[in-house]
Amino acid sequence: MARSTRITIGVTAVALLCGAGAGAYYLTGGGSSGGEARPVPTGPPSRSEVETTAHDFLAAWSAGRTEQAAALTDDSAAASAALTGYRDTAHVRKVTLTPGTAQGTRVPFSVSAEIAYRDHSSTWRYDSSLAVVRSPGDGRAVVGWQPTVIHPRLAHGETLRTDSAPPANFTAVDRNGKELDPKDYPSLAAILPELRQRFAAKASGERGVEVRAEPGGAGGPSAKTLYVVSKGTPATLRTTLDAKLQRAAEEAVGRRPDASVVAVRPSTGEILAVADTGARKAGFNSALLGRTAPGSTMKVVTSALLLERGQARPEQPLPCPKYATYGMRFHNVEEGENPGATFAQDFAASCNTAFISLAGRISDGDLSAEARDVFGIGLNWQTGATSFDGSVPADSGAGKAAAMIGQGQVQMNPLTMASVTATAITGSFHQPHLVDPQAMGLKTAQAARSLPASVVGQIKSMMRLTVTRGTATKAMAGLSGDTGAKTGSAEIDNQAMPNGWFAGYRDDLAAAAVVPQGGHGGDSAGPVVRAVLAAG
């Protein structure tokens, strides 16, 4: 059964119209008794015709007699469609129409429409008007149909529709509820719009309800909002970012012409800060999307492999010569050497040749498997924003040796190296993410296995040694808590200076940074990471 719409006209208005002669006043071309045909009226409708026609039309509309009301217009098809839509698509449950004093052939009237849409209801009040004209066929006084009869702002081709409003203002907040504005955190200028596009519909908040005039009934940006039934609340997306750390990261990279850094929480994989000077200039966020050699910070992964396989021990003597050959000749930064070094000292001093000397102890695909199965590299991370999750291809000969020290075909960025650091000190890979994966429907990558606890302890001891007596001493000096780090310098073709890398941790906070053409990682990227760790 079709829903009925009950509409009433104000009592005072009815009395006024009836007193002026509210009887039916239709002129036809011939009398019912077969007498002489009556002439078709011409000229403007009389006051009596205007008032009677307006009354009958509004009374029929008010009572939900759509076809009767439409028949009292000069375009019954259009009027019927509009009045039906008023009830069905605009969801008007009841309407009260109150006519005003006729002004010539035009009759103003006020509308009080009760709207009920799902669990939202409201009374929509507005003014409209109608004009009474002569029907061209029989001269009857009828309502000259225009969409403005329904509402003064309704145009031809538009349909009234009550529906959920477009999403209210979207706000991204940090883990503590602080709003993240790109004006305050410029490195997020490209990330926040992507989060809005992907997760606004799932963010907390409530969509409002509006009455809109929609072209063709299809909605879209050209739809006009005529009335707000209920206001929505802004969609709020809680991210994993920490505003305090984000600000520290922004300030740290801002001190250099080009730098990027990412901080994560090792125990959960939550991304706490992402900053990149390049993102401010060109919109490309190399902190998440960069693909470049990580240099000696990769030795964290290589050490995990060697320690797991029993091919090295921290206390094992392992000389650090100036040069080593495995498919090609390798050297150390500034061609340093230490003939009496141990494996731990080689790690702390970032000795390339010592690591190259162990290349023959691992198979061609071992480093690639370690990076994937333990550190989650290349497992299609769903972080919430577009990101690159690293690449460590299997290689042989000189390529395998180069990969062990973060050169060759290895590609990383601050996000992946921060995650590598986090995995190394906890033993388990927790995929980095910017939003709650479960709430936002993200499938997180899972590593095949964890590191043995003994290996975790050995790696942490070597990273601590790097801080106390190695290449990270200057950058990490005076930083309290459980700390450790690894520096790196990655040689890039056609660059005068290598890229400076630094990865470090402090308690349950890990961070990694790269400074293109920064030279020694401890001097260039080290202060960037230190600033973020100090703010944690």
Protein backbone atom coordinates (compact mmCIF):
# COMPACT_ATOMS: atom_id res chain seq x y z
CA MET A 1 0.00 0.00 0.00
CA ALA A 2 1.42 3.42 -0.92
CA ARG A 3 2.20 5.78 1.94
CA SER A 4 -0.30 8.61 2.31
CA THR A 5 0.67 12.18 3.07
CA ARG A 6 -1.62 14.16 5.26
CA ILE A 7 -1.51 17.89 4.86
CA THR A 8 -3.77 20.51 6.37
CA ILE A 9 -4.46 24.13 5.54
CA GLY A 10 -4.73 26.74 8.24
CA VAL A 11 -8.32 27.28 9.44
CA THR A 12 -8.20 31.05 9.03
CA ALA A 13 -7.00 30.72 5.46
CA VAL A 14 -9.78 28.24 4.58
CA ALA A 15 -12.48 30.56 5.93
CA LEU A 16 -11.08 33.46 3.94
CA LEU A 17 -11.06 31.56 0.68
CA CYS A 18 -14.48 29.95 1.17
CA GLY A 19 -16.03 33.31 1.99
CA ALA A 20 -14.78 34.62 -1.35
CA GLY A 21 -16.59 31.86 -3.24
CA ALA A 22 -14.78 28.58 -2.94
CA GLY A 23 -17.10 26.51 -5.10
CA ALA A 24 -15.79 24.69 -8.16
CA TYR A 25 -15.51 27.16 -11.02
CA TYR A 26 -14.71 25.25 -14.19
CA LEU A 27 -15.93 26.54 -17.54
CA THR A 28 -16.45 24.03 -20.33
CA GLY A 29 -17.15 24.25 -24.01
CA GLY A 30 -20.82 23.16 -23.78
CA GLY A 31 -23.66 22.72 -21.31
CA SER A 32 -24.78 19.35 -20.00
CA SER A 33 -28.36 19.90 -21.20
CA GLY A 34 -27.35 20.11 -24.84
CA GLY A 35 -28.00 23.86 -25.07
CA GLU A 36 -25.89 26.42 -26.81
CA ALA A 37 -22.11 26.13 -26.13
CA ARG A 38 -20.76 28.48 -23.53
CA PRO A 39 -17.83 30.67 -24.57
CA VAL A 40 -14.28 29.81 -23.38
CA PRO A 41 -13.25 32.45 -20.82
CA THR A 42 -10.30 34.63 -21.73
CA GLY A 43 -8.28 37.26 -19.95
CA PRO A 44 -6.77 37.12 -16.48
CA PRO A 45 -8.53 34.92 -13.92
CA SER A 46 -10.83 36.81 -11.58
CA ARG A 47 -10.05 37.19 -7.89
CA SER A 48 -12.71 34.59 -7.13
CA GLU A 49 -11.13 32.14 -9.60
CA VAL A 50 -7.65 32.79 -8.21
CA GLU A 51 -8.70 32.16 -4.62
CA THR A 52 -10.85 29.13 -5.45
CA THR A 53 -8.18 27.48 -7.62
CA ALA A 54 -5.44 28.09 -5.06
CA HIS A 55 -7.61 26.71 -2.28
CA ASP A 56 -8.56 23.57 -4.16
CA PHE A 57 -4.97 22.88 -5.25
CA LEU A 58 -3.48 23.40 -1.78
CA ALA A 59 -6.27 21.35 -0.18
CA ALA A 60 -5.63 18.42 -2.51
CA TRP A 61 -1.87 18.65 -2.03
CA SER A 62 -2.34 18.87 1.74
CA ALA A 63 -4.52 15.78 1.85
CA GLY A 64 -2.11 13.72 -0.21
CA ARG A 65 -4.45 13.59 -3.20
CA THR A 66 -1.59 13.94 -5.64
CA GLU A 67 -3.46 13.26 -8.89
CA GLN A 68 -6.31 15.59 -7.95
CA ALA A 69 -3.86 18.37 -7.17
CA ALA A 70 -1.94 17.73 -10.39
CA ALA A 71 -5.16 17.92 -12.40
CA LEU A 72 -5.62 21.47 -11.13
CA THR A 73 -2.44 22.58 -12.96
CA ASP A 74 -1.58 23.24 -16.57
CA ASP A 75 1.01 20.42 -16.59
CA SER A 76 -0.47 17.49 -14.68
CA ALA A 77 2.36 15.05 -15.55
CA ALA A 78 5.13 17.31 -14.22
CA ALA A 79 3.09 18.33 -11.19
CA SER A 80 2.25 14.72 -10.35
CA ALA A 81 5.92 13.68 -10.52
CA ALA A 82 7.03 16.59 -8.35
CA LEU A 83 4.33 16.13 -5.72
CA THR A 84 4.98 12.40 -5.58
CA GLY A 85 8.68 13.06 -5.12
CA TYR A 86 7.92 15.55 -2.38
CA ARG A 87 6.34 12.72 -0.45
CA ASP A 88 8.53 9.79 -1.43
CA THR A 89 12.06 11.10 -2.07
CA ALA A 90 11.93 14.21 0.10
CA HIS A 91 10.33 12.07 2.82
CA VAL A 92 7.73 14.64 3.84
CA ARG A 93 5.43 12.85 6.25
CA LYS A 94 3.01 15.70 6.84
CA VAL A 95 2.73 19.26 5.61
CA THR A 96 0.69 22.26 6.69
CA LEU A 97 0.06 24.89 3.99
CA THR A 98 -1.04 28.38 5.01
CA PRO A 99 -2.14 30.69 2.16
CA GLY A 100 -1.56 34.41 2.28
CA THR A 101 -3.46 37.24 0.60
CA ALA A 102 -3.66 36.96 -3.18
CA GLN A 103 -1.75 39.60 -5.08
CA GLY A 104 -3.34 39.70 -8.47
CA THR A 105 -3.08 36.19 -9.87
CA ARG A 106 -0.32 35.16 -7.47
CA VAL A 107 -1.01 33.53 -4.10
CA PRO A 108 1.78 33.28 -1.53
CA PHE A 109 1.69 30.48 1.00
CA SER A 110 3.81 29.23 3.85
CA VAL A 111 4.90 25.62 4.23
CA SER A 112 5.52 23.62 7.39
CA ALA A 113 6.76 20.20 6.29
CA GLU A 114 7.45 17.43 8.76
CA ILE A 115 10.32 15.30 7.47
CA ALA A 116 11.03 11.79 8.72
CA TYR A 117 14.13 10.02 7.38
CA ARG A 118 15.29 6.90 9.14
CA ASP A 119 15.74 7.93 12.77
CA HIS A 120 15.96 11.65 11.94
CA SER A 121 12.99 14.03 11.97
CA SER A 122 12.59 17.78 11.70
CA THR A 123 10.08 20.46 10.64
CA TRP A 124 11.05 22.36 7.51
CA ARG A 125 9.45 25.81 7.24
CA TYR A 126 9.65 28.04 4.20
CA ASP A 127 7.55 30.31 1.97
CA SER A 128 6.49 29.72 -1.59
CA SER A 129 3.86 30.94 -4.04
CA LEU A 130 1.79 29.91 -7.02
CA ALA A 131 0.24 31.72 -9.95
CA VAL A 132 -3.22 31.02 -11.35
CA VAL A 133 -3.51 31.09 -15.16
CA ARG A 134 -5.99 30.20 -17.85
CA SER A 135 -5.83 26.69 -19.24
CA PRO A 136 -5.15 27.12 -22.99
CA GLY A 137 -7.63 24.37 -23.88
CA ASP A 138 -10.80 25.18 -22.00
CA GLY A 139 -10.03 28.44 -20.27
CA ARG A 140 -10.23 26.97 -16.79
CA ALA A 141 -8.45 28.75 -13.99
CA VAL A 142 -5.53 26.43 -13.06
CA VAL A 143 -2.20 26.63 -11.28
CA GLY A 144 0.57 27.55 -13.69
CA TRP A 145 2.93 24.72 -12.89
CA GLN A 146 6.53 25.56 -12.09
CA PRO A 147 9.00 23.63 -9.86
CA THR A 148 9.11 26.76 -7.68
CA VAL A 149 5.60 25.92 -6.47
CA ILE A 150 7.19 23.07 -4.51
CA HIS A 151 10.08 25.24 -3.34
CA PRO A 152 11.25 28.66 -4.59
CA ARG A 153 14.79 27.38 -5.26
CA LEU A 154 13.79 24.24 -7.14
CA ALA A 155 14.67 24.51 -10.84
CA HIS A 156 13.52 22.60 -13.89
CA GLY A 157 15.09 19.14 -14.06
CA GLU A 158 15.80 19.05 -10.32
CA THR A 159 14.37 16.62 -7.80
CA LEU A 160 13.95 17.08 -4.08
CA ARG A 161 15.71 14.38 -2.11
CA THR A 162 16.22 13.85 1.59
CA ASP A 163 19.30 11.72 2.20
CA SER A 164 22.50 11.41 4.16
CA ALA A 165 24.63 14.48 3.72
CA PRO A 166 28.09 14.34 2.21
CA PRO A 167 30.72 13.61 4.86
CA ALA A 168 31.17 16.43 7.31
CA ASN A 169 34.56 18.03 7.75
CA PHE A 170 37.28 15.46 8.12
CA THR A 171 39.80 15.80 10.89
CA ALA A 172 42.86 13.63 11.39
CA VAL A 173 44.16 13.54 14.93
CA ASP A 174 47.22 12.06 16.56
CA ARG A 175 47.16 9.15 19.00
CA ASN A 176 46.19 11.53 21.81
CA GLY A 177 43.41 13.34 19.94
CA LYS A 178 45.40 16.42 18.87
CA GLU A 179 44.42 17.70 15.45
CA LEU A 180 47.02 17.28 12.72
CA ASP A 181 47.00 20.32 10.45
CA PRO A 182 49.35 20.34 7.42
CA LYS A 183 50.08 23.99 8.17
CA ASP A 184 51.67 22.87 11.42
CA TYR A 185 53.10 19.62 10.08
CA PRO A 186 54.00 20.27 6.41
CA SER A 187 55.42 16.78 5.84
CA LEU A 188 51.88 15.42 6.26
CA ALA A 189 50.46 17.59 3.45
CA ALA A 190 50.27 14.62 1.06
CA ILE A 191 49.59 11.92 3.64
CA LEU A 192 46.51 13.43 5.33
CA PRO A 193 44.47 13.84 2.09
CA GLU A 194 45.20 10.21 1.24
CA LEU A 195 44.04 9.09 4.66
CA ARG A 196 40.87 11.13 4.19
CA GLN A 197 40.16 9.61 0.80
CA ARG A 198 40.71 6.07 2.03
CA PHE A 199 39.23 6.13 5.53
CA ALA A 200 36.78 9.04 5.90
CA ALA A 201 33.82 6.67 5.56
CA LYS A 202 35.19 4.52 8.39
CA ALA A 203 36.26 7.35 10.63
CA SER A 204 34.27 8.09 13.76
CA GLY A 205 31.58 10.71 13.29
CA GLU A 206 28.02 10.94 12.05
CA ARG A 207 26.75 11.99 8.64
CA GLY A 208 24.02 14.56 8.71
CA VAL A 209 20.73 14.49 6.80
CA GLU A 210 19.82 17.14 4.23
CA VAL A 211 17.08 18.03 1.77
CA ARG A 212 18.78 18.71 -1.54
CA ALA A 213 17.73 19.84 -5.00
CA GLU A 214 19.52 17.34 -7.20
CA PRO A 215 19.90 17.65 -10.98
CA GLY A 216 18.24 14.62 -12.49
CA GLY A 217 17.95 13.19 -9.01
CA ALA A 218 21.57 12.04 -9.20
CA GLY A 219 23.22 14.29 -6.64
CA GLY A 220 26.84 15.29 -7.07
CA PRO A 221 28.70 18.53 -6.52
CA SER A 222 26.00 20.63 -8.27
CA ALA A 223 23.29 19.55 -5.82
CA LYS A 224 21.89 22.40 -3.70
CA THR A 225 21.23 21.95 -0.02
CA LEU A 226 17.84 23.47 0.79
CA TYR A 227 17.42 22.35 4.37
CA VAL A 228 19.48 20.58 7.03
CA VAL A 229 17.39 17.97 8.84
CA SER A 230 20.20 17.10 11.22
CA LYS A 231 23.79 18.23 11.37
CA GLY A 232 26.51 15.65 11.16
CA THR A 233 29.56 15.57 13.33
CA PRO A 234 33.03 15.86 11.75
CA ALA A 235 34.61 12.57 10.79
CA THR A 236 37.59 12.08 13.06
CA LEU A 237 40.33 9.66 12.12
CA ARG A 238 42.70 8.75 14.92
CA THR A 239 46.15 8.02 13.56
CA THR A 240 49.11 6.42 15.29
CA LEU A 241 51.17 9.60 14.92
CA ASP A 242 52.39 11.45 17.96
CA ALA A 243 52.12 15.24 17.54
CA LYS A 244 55.06 15.88 19.86
CA LEU A 245 57.34 13.51 17.95
CA GLN A 246 56.01 14.75 14.61
CA ARG A 247 56.91 18.31 15.50
CA ALA A 248 60.39 17.22 16.62
CA ALA A 249 60.81 15.33 13.35
CA GLU A 250 59.64 18.31 11.29
CA GLU A 251 62.10 20.60 13.06
CA ALA A 252 64.94 18.10 12.71
CA VAL A 253 64.62 17.64 8.94
CA GLY A 254 63.99 21.36 8.55
CA ARG A 255 67.54 22.08 9.65
CA ARG A 256 68.84 20.47 6.46
CA PRO A 257 68.17 21.19 2.77
CA ASP A 258 67.10 17.59 2.24
CA ALA A 259 66.37 14.93 4.85
CA SER A 260 63.69 12.45 5.87
CA VAL A 261 62.97 10.45 9.01
CA VAL A 262 60.43 7.94 10.33
CA ALA A 263 59.84 6.84 13.92
CA VAL A 264 57.97 3.68 14.95
CA ARG A 265 57.04 1.95 18.17
CA PRO A 266 58.90 -1.40 18.09
CA SER A 267 56.42 -3.26 20.28
CA THR A 268 53.45 -2.49 18.00
CA GLY A 269 54.65 -1.19 14.64
CA GLU A 270 52.77 2.08 15.09
CA ILE A 271 54.25 4.89 13.03
CA LEU A 272 54.78 7.82 15.38
CA ALA A 273 56.37 10.40 13.07
CA VAL A 274 57.03 10.93 9.37
CA ALA A 275 58.95 13.98 8.19
CA ASP A 276 60.56 14.85 4.88
CA THR A 277 61.79 18.16 3.48
CA GLY A 278 61.25 16.87 -0.05
CA ALA A 279 57.54 16.31 0.64
CA ARG A 280 57.20 20.00 1.44
CA LYS A 281 58.64 21.03 -1.92
CA ALA A 282 57.54 18.48 -4.49
CA GLY A 283 54.91 16.43 -2.69
CA PHE A 284 56.99 13.25 -2.92
CA ASN A 285 57.50 11.77 0.53
CA SER A 286 60.78 9.88 0.34
CA ALA A 287 60.43 8.89 4.00
CA LEU A 288 57.73 6.42 2.93
CA LEU A 289 58.29 6.09 -0.80
CA GLY A 290 62.05 6.41 -1.25
CA ARG A 291 63.99 3.63 -2.97
CA THR A 292 67.70 3.95 -2.36
CA ALA A 293 70.62 1.99 -0.98
CA PRO A 294 70.71 2.08 2.86
CA GLY A 295 74.45 1.64 3.20
CA SER A 296 75.80 0.11 6.38
CA THR A 297 72.49 0.34 8.27
CA MET A 298 71.75 -2.85 6.30
CA LYS A 299 74.41 -4.57 8.41
CA VAL A 300 71.70 -5.02 11.07
CA VAL A 301 69.99 -7.53 8.76
CA THR A 302 73.27 -9.06 7.63
CA SER A 303 74.42 -9.50 11.24
CA ALA A 304 71.14 -11.18 12.16
CA LEU A 305 71.70 -13.68 9.35
CA LEU A 306 75.34 -14.36 10.27
CA LEU A 307 74.55 -14.72 13.97
CA GLU A 308 71.60 -17.05 13.31
CA ARG A 309 73.72 -19.25 11.05
CA GLY A 310 76.59 -19.37 13.54
CA GLN A 311 78.88 -17.75 10.99
CA ALA A 312 79.82 -14.96 13.40
CA ARG A 313 79.81 -14.14 17.12
CA PRO A 314 80.19 -10.69 18.67
CA GLU A 315 83.44 -11.64 20.42
CA GLN A 316 84.87 -13.51 17.43
CA PRO A 317 88.13 -12.02 16.08
CA LEU A 318 87.46 -10.69 12.58
CA PRO A 319 90.15 -8.37 11.13
CA CYS A 320 89.12 -5.21 9.33
CA PRO A 321 91.57 -4.71 6.44
CA LYS A 322 91.64 -1.69 4.15
CA TYR A 323 90.42 -3.76 1.20
CA ALA A 324 88.57 -7.02 0.56
CA THR A 325 87.79 -8.77 -2.70
CA TYR A 326 84.67 -10.81 -3.52
CA GLY A 327 83.88 -10.49 -7.18
CA MET A 328 85.26 -6.96 -7.01
CA ARG A 329 87.40 -4.87 -4.70
CA PHE A 330 85.67 -3.27 -1.69
CA HIS A 331 87.03 -0.64 0.70
CA ASN A 332 86.11 1.07 3.94
CA VAL A 333 85.14 4.70 4.37
CA GLU A 334 88.38 6.65 4.36
CA GLU A 335 90.10 3.26 3.86
CA GLY A 336 90.35 2.65 7.60
CA GLU A 337 91.53 -0.66 9.06
CA ASN A 338 91.76 -2.57 12.36
CA PRO A 339 93.65 -5.89 12.13
CA GLY A 340 92.76 -6.86 15.70
CA ALA A 341 89.01 -6.16 15.57
CA THR A 342 86.20 -8.46 16.70
CA PHE A 343 82.93 -8.89 14.82
CA ALA A 344 81.20 -6.56 17.32
CA GLN A 345 83.91 -3.93 16.82
CA ASP A 346 83.58 -4.27 13.04
CA PHE A 347 79.85 -3.60 13.42
CA ALA A 348 80.40 -0.60 15.72
CA ALA A 349 83.06 0.89 13.43
CA SER A 350 81.03 0.01 10.30
CA CYS A 351 83.84 -1.97 8.70
CA ASN A 352 82.80 -2.99 5.19
CA THR A 353 85.72 -5.30 4.45
CA ALA A 354 85.14 -7.49 7.53
CA PHE A 355 81.58 -8.17 6.40
CA ILE A 356 82.69 -8.78 2.80
CA SER A 357 85.14 -11.39 4.08
CA LEU A 358 82.15 -13.45 5.28
CA ALA A 359 80.29 -13.37 1.94
CA GLY A 360 81.43 -16.88 1.04
CA ARG A 361 79.75 -18.30 4.19
CA ILE A 362 76.20 -17.57 2.99
CA SER A 363 74.29 -18.71 -0.08
CA ASP A 364 73.15 -16.34 -2.80
CA GLY A 365 69.53 -16.17 -1.58
CA ASP A 366 70.17 -16.19 2.16
CA LEU A 367 70.19 -12.42 2.76
CA SER A 368 67.04 -11.95 0.69
CA ALA A 369 65.28 -14.68 2.67
CA GLU A 370 66.40 -13.23 6.01
CA ALA A 371 65.12 -9.77 5.04
CA ARG A 372 61.77 -11.21 3.97
CA ASP A 373 61.14 -13.97 6.51
CA VAL A 374 62.35 -12.16 9.64
CA PHE A 375 62.20 -8.43 8.84
CA GLY A 376 59.11 -8.47 6.59
CA ILE A 377 60.86 -6.68 3.73
CA GLY A 378 58.87 -6.84 0.49
CA LEU A 379 55.70 -8.33 2.00
CA ASN A 380 53.23 -5.71 0.70
CA TRP A 381 52.77 -3.58 3.78
CA GLN A 382 49.37 -1.97 4.19
CA THR A 383 50.40 1.00 6.28
CA GLY A 384 47.33 3.13 5.55
CA ALA A 385 49.19 5.36 3.09
CA THR A 386 51.09 4.52 -0.07
CA SER A 387 54.54 3.26 0.88
CA PHE A 388 57.45 1.19 -0.39
CA ASP A 389 58.30 -1.78 1.83
CA GLY A 390 61.87 -2.38 0.69
CA SER A 391 63.63 -4.76 -1.65
CA VAL A 392 66.54 -7.15 -1.09
CA PRO A 393 66.83 -9.30 -4.23
CA ALA A 394 68.84 -12.52 -4.22
CA ASP A 395 72.21 -11.91 -5.86
CA SER A 396 75.53 -13.59 -6.42
CA GLY A 397 79.21 -12.70 -6.61
CA ALA A 398 79.98 -9.05 -6.12
CA GLY A 399 76.24 -8.28 -6.00
CA LYS A 400 75.77 -10.55 -2.98
CA ALA A 401 78.76 -8.99 -1.21
CA ALA A 402 77.52 -5.46 -1.96
CA ALA A 403 74.07 -6.31 -0.58
CA MET A 404 75.64 -7.35 2.74
CA ILE A 405 76.77 -3.75 3.27
CA GLY A 406 73.61 -2.15 1.91
CA GLN A 407 74.77 -1.44 -1.62
CA GLY A 408 74.10 -3.14 -4.97
CA GLN A 409 70.41 -3.80 -5.61
CA VAL A 410 69.19 -3.26 -2.04
CA GLN A 411 66.58 -0.50 -1.80
CA MET A 412 65.21 0.97 1.41
CA ASN A 413 63.83 4.16 2.93
CA PRO A 414 63.53 5.56 6.48
CA LEU A 415 60.27 3.66 7.03
CA THR A 416 61.79 0.27 6.23
CA MET A 417 64.99 0.93 8.16
CA ALA A 418 63.09 2.13 11.21
CA SER A 419 61.14 -1.13 11.01
CA VAL A 420 64.35 -3.16 10.60
CA THR A 421 65.67 -1.55 13.77
CA ALA A 422 62.41 -2.25 15.61
CA THR A 423 62.44 -5.90 14.55
CA ALA A 424 66.07 -6.35 15.51
CA ILE A 425 65.57 -5.16 19.10
CA THR A 426 62.29 -7.00 19.72
CA GLY A 427 62.91 -10.11 17.65
CA SER A 428 59.49 -9.93 15.95
CA PHE A 429 58.29 -8.01 12.92
CA HIS A 430 55.32 -5.72 13.58
CA GLN A 431 54.24 -4.21 10.28
CA PRO A 432 54.36 -0.40 10.46
CA HIS A 433 50.98 1.32 10.20
CA LEU A 434 49.51 4.82 10.40
CA VAL A 435 45.96 3.81 11.41
CA ASP A 436 44.40 0.98 13.37
CA PRO A 437 44.57 -1.92 10.87
CA GLN A 438 41.64 -3.81 12.35
CA ALA A 439 39.32 -0.80 12.54
CA MET A 440 40.23 0.36 9.03
CA GLY A 441 40.11 -3.09 7.41
CA LEU A 442 43.82 -3.39 6.61
CA LYS A 443 45.51 -6.75 6.33
CA THR A 444 48.91 -6.49 7.93
CA ALA A 445 51.89 -8.41 6.61
CA GLN A 446 53.19 -11.24 8.78
CA ALA A 447 56.81 -12.39 8.84
CA ALA A 448 57.45 -16.11 8.66
CA ARG A 449 59.48 -16.29 11.86
CA SER A 450 61.07 -14.33 14.69
CA LEU A 451 64.69 -13.98 15.72
CA PRO A 452 65.97 -16.21 18.52
CA ALA A 453 66.23 -14.33 21.81
CA SER A 454 69.97 -14.96 21.88
CA VAL A 455 70.43 -13.24 18.54
CA VAL A 456 68.30 -10.29 19.65
CA GLY A 457 70.56 -9.88 22.68
CA GLN A 458 73.69 -10.01 20.53
CA ILE A 459 72.41 -7.43 18.03
CA LYS A 460 71.38 -5.06 20.81
CA SER A 461 74.77 -5.40 22.45
CA MET A 462 76.50 -4.49 19.17
CA MET A 463 74.16 -1.53 18.61
CA ARG A 464 74.89 -0.35 22.16
CA LEU A 465 78.61 -0.66 21.46
CA THR A 466 78.12 1.54 18.38
CA VAL A 467 76.71 4.20 20.69
CA THR A 468 79.33 3.93 23.43
CA ARG A 469 82.49 3.35 21.36
CA GLY A 470 81.53 3.43 17.72
CA THR A 471 80.37 5.65 14.87
CA ALA A 472 77.17 6.73 16.68
CA THR A 473 78.85 8.02 19.84
CA LYS A 474 78.70 11.71 18.95
CA ALA A 475 75.10 11.69 17.76
CA MET A 476 73.73 9.71 20.72
CA ALA A 477 75.86 11.21 23.50
CA GLY A 478 73.92 11.98 26.66
CA LEU A 479 70.73 10.22 25.58
CA SER A 480 69.29 8.31 28.54
CA GLY A 481 67.57 4.94 28.54
CA ASP A 482 68.28 1.74 26.64
CA THR A 483 69.87 2.98 23.42
CA GLY A 484 71.59 1.60 20.35
CA ALA A 485 72.30 2.65 16.78
CA LYS A 486 73.86 1.88 13.41
CA THR A 487 75.33 4.39 10.97
CA GLY A 488 75.66 4.15 7.22
CA SER A 489 77.10 5.90 4.19
CA ALA A 490 75.64 4.79 0.86
CA GLU A 491 77.55 5.51 -2.31
CA ILE A 492 75.28 6.58 -5.18
CA ASP A 493 76.33 6.82 -8.80
CA ASN A 494 77.02 10.37 -10.04
CA GLN A 495 76.92 11.82 -6.52
CA ALA A 496 79.89 13.72 -5.16
CA MET A 497 79.04 12.66 -1.60
CA PRO A 498 77.41 9.46 -0.29
CA ASN A 499 73.99 9.54 1.35
CA GLY A 500 74.17 9.66 5.11
CA TRP A 501 72.07 7.09 7.03
CA PHE A 502 71.36 6.54 10.69
CA ALA A 503 69.12 4.05 12.51
CA GLY A 504 68.71 4.03 16.25
CA TYR A 505 66.47 3.22 19.17
CA ARG A 506 65.72 4.41 22.66
CA ASP A 507 63.61 2.13 24.82
CA ASP A 508 60.37 1.44 22.86
CA LEU A 509 61.09 3.93 20.10
CA ALA A 510 63.02 3.34 16.89
CA ALA A 511 63.84 5.81 14.14
CA ALA A 512 65.79 5.96 10.90
CA ALA A 513 66.83 8.89 8.73
CA VAL A 514 68.63 9.60 5.48
CA VAL A 515 70.32 12.80 4.34
CA PRO A 516 71.06 12.73 0.60
CA GLN A 517 74.71 13.58 -0.06
CA GLY A 518 75.14 14.00 3.67
CA GLY A 519 78.39 12.08 3.82
CA HIS A 520 79.02 10.21 7.09
CA GLY A 521 75.71 9.06 8.56
CA GLY A 522 76.69 9.76 12.14
CA ASP A 523 77.31 13.43 11.34
CA SER A 524 74.41 14.11 8.96
CA ALA A 525 71.49 11.77 9.71
CA GLY A 526 72.52 11.07 13.31
CA PRO A 527 71.36 14.42 14.72
CA VAL A 528 67.99 14.00 12.98
CA VAL A 529 67.35 10.63 14.61
CA ARG A 530 68.70 11.81 17.94
CA ALA A 531 66.26 14.76 17.99
CA VAL A 532 63.30 12.42 17.46
CA LEU A 533 64.48 9.88 20.04
CA ALA A 534 65.09 12.65 22.57
CA ALA A 535 61.50 13.86 22.16
CA GLY A 536 60.07 10.42 22.83
